[in-house]
């Protein structure tokens, strides 16, 4: 679960068409957001759940005067994504260094 002020990244932006009609703006996969609030929510099947509100997206209140939120499972903690990006960058750097060492030892294969 996320706390207010948490930085999150959307990992699931596949919304049903009915949500597209309700929300003027929806989270987009790979984009970063800030949790504005954690509130009681309701799934489309009317099951009670928890929802998060985002600083970057404000939706009009529903017929009960409540701003609809988004399912937390659509997001991951931004620090987890940063670690993954860092690991990827390290892997690319390591590959580049090994390739240069190989080229220096064997001559540039592209020549």
Protein backbone atom coordinates (compact mmCIF):
# COMPACT_ATOMS: atom_id res chain seq x y z
CA UNK A 1 0.00 0.00 0.00
CA UNK A 2 1.11 3.55 -0.61
CA UNK A 3 1.24 6.52 1.74
CA UNK A 4 0.24 10.07 0.95
CA UNK A 5 3.15 11.70 -0.85
CA UNK A 6 4.49 8.41 -2.24
CA UNK A 7 5.88 8.58 -5.77
CA UNK A 8 4.41 5.83 -7.96
CA UNK A 9 4.67 4.67 -11.56
CA UNK A 10 1.67 3.36 -13.49
CA UNK A 11 2.22 -0.25 -14.56
CA UNK A 12 -1.30 -1.00 -15.88
CA UNK A 13 -3.17 1.51 -18.04
CA UNK A 14 -5.67 -0.93 -19.54
CA UNK A 15 -8.96 0.60 -18.43
CA UNK A 16 -12.43 -0.58 -19.44
CA UNK A 17 -14.35 1.73 -21.76
CA UNK A 18 -16.74 2.73 -18.96
CA UNK A 19 -13.77 4.16 -17.02
CA UNK A 20 -12.69 6.12 -20.07
CA UNK A 21 -16.12 7.77 -20.02
CA UNK A 22 -15.91 8.62 -16.28
CA UNK A 23 -12.32 9.87 -16.10
CA UNK A 24 -11.33 12.80 -18.30
CA UNK A 25 -7.67 11.80 -17.75
CA UNK A 26 -6.33 8.36 -16.91
CA UNK A 27 -2.89 7.31 -15.68
CA UNK A 28 -0.53 6.23 -18.44
CA UNK A 29 1.82 3.29 -18.19
CA UNK A 30 5.37 4.33 -17.33
CA UNK A 31 4.37 7.79 -16.10
CA UNK A 32 5.18 8.95 -12.56
CA UNK A 33 2.55 10.26 -10.15
CA UNK A 34 2.29 11.40 -6.53
CA UNK A 35 -0.29 9.88 -4.18
CA UNK A 36 -2.55 12.69 -2.97
CA UNK A 37 -4.81 10.56 -0.76
CA UNK A 38 -5.79 6.98 0.07
CA UNK A 39 -9.57 6.58 0.23
CA UNK A 40 -12.33 4.01 0.38
CA UNK A 41 -13.11 2.84 -3.13
CA UNK A 42 -15.44 0.60 -5.04
CA UNK A 43 -14.74 -1.81 -7.90
CA UNK A 44 -16.96 -1.92 -10.98
CA UNK A 45 -18.64 -5.01 -9.46
CA UNK A 46 -19.55 -2.82 -6.42
CA UNK A 47 -17.07 -4.62 -4.16
CA UNK A 48 -15.53 -2.29 -1.57
CA UNK A 49 -11.82 -1.66 -1.88
CA UNK A 50 -9.13 0.99 -1.40
CA UNK A 51 -8.36 3.63 -4.02
CA UNK A 52 -5.65 6.21 -4.43
CA UNK A 53 -6.01 9.79 -5.63
CA UNK A 54 -3.17 11.36 -7.58
CA UNK A 55 -1.83 14.92 -7.42
CA UNK A 56 -1.49 15.01 -11.19
CA UNK A 57 -5.02 13.80 -11.99
CA UNK A 58 -8.21 15.30 -10.56
CA UNK A 59 -11.52 13.74 -11.53
CA UNK A 60 -15.02 15.20 -11.11
CA UNK A 61 -16.98 13.89 -8.11
CA UNK A 62 -19.48 11.11 -8.78
CA UNK A 63 -23.22 11.32 -8.03
CA UNK A 64 -22.43 10.87 -4.32
CA UNK A 65 -19.97 13.77 -4.28
CA UNK A 66 -16.94 11.47 -4.05
CA UNK A 67 -13.92 11.75 -6.33
CA UNK A 68 -13.27 8.34 -7.89
CA UNK A 69 -9.76 7.02 -7.41
CA UNK A 70 -7.57 4.37 -8.94
CA UNK A 71 -6.81 0.81 -7.87
CA UNK A 72 -3.40 0.71 -6.14
CA UNK A 73 -2.47 -2.46 -8.03
CA UNK A 74 -2.18 -0.33 -11.18
CA UNK A 75 0.95 1.27 -9.69
CA UNK A 76 4.37 0.34 -8.34
CA UNK A 77 6.58 2.31 -6.00
CA UNK A 78 8.75 4.66 -8.06
CA UNK A 79 11.87 3.61 -6.14
CA UNK A 80 11.39 0.04 -7.44
CA UNK A 81 11.35 1.33 -10.99
CA UNK A 82 14.45 3.46 -10.36
CA UNK A 83 16.31 0.37 -9.11
CA UNK A 84 15.28 -1.56 -12.21
CA UNK A 85 16.44 1.31 -14.43
CA UNK A 86 19.73 1.52 -12.52
CA UNK A 87 20.26 -2.22 -12.92
CA UNK A 88 19.55 -1.94 -16.65
CA UNK A 89 21.97 0.97 -16.99
CA UNK A 90 24.64 -0.98 -15.10
CA UNK A 91 24.09 -4.01 -17.37
CA UNK A 92 24.40 -1.88 -20.50
CA UNK A 93 27.55 -0.23 -19.14
CA UNK A 94 29.04 -3.61 -18.32
CA UNK A 95 28.24 -4.92 -21.81
CA UNK A 96 29.76 -1.83 -23.44
CA UNK A 97 32.96 -2.22 -21.40
CA UNK A 98 33.26 -5.93 -22.31
CA UNK A 99 32.64 -5.16 -25.99
CA UNK A 100 35.35 -2.47 -26.01
CA UNK A 101 37.80 -4.84 -24.31
CA UNK A 102 37.02 -7.51 -26.91
CA UNK A 103 37.44 -5.05 -29.79
CA UNK A 104 40.76 -3.82 -28.38
CA UNK A 105 42.02 -7.38 -28.02
CA UNK A 106 40.78 -8.61 -31.41
CA UNK A 107 40.56 -5.49 -33.52
CA UNK A 108 37.32 -3.76 -34.40
CA UNK A 109 35.21 -6.35 -36.28
CA UNK A 110 33.46 -3.60 -38.24
CA UNK A 111 36.67 -2.62 -40.10
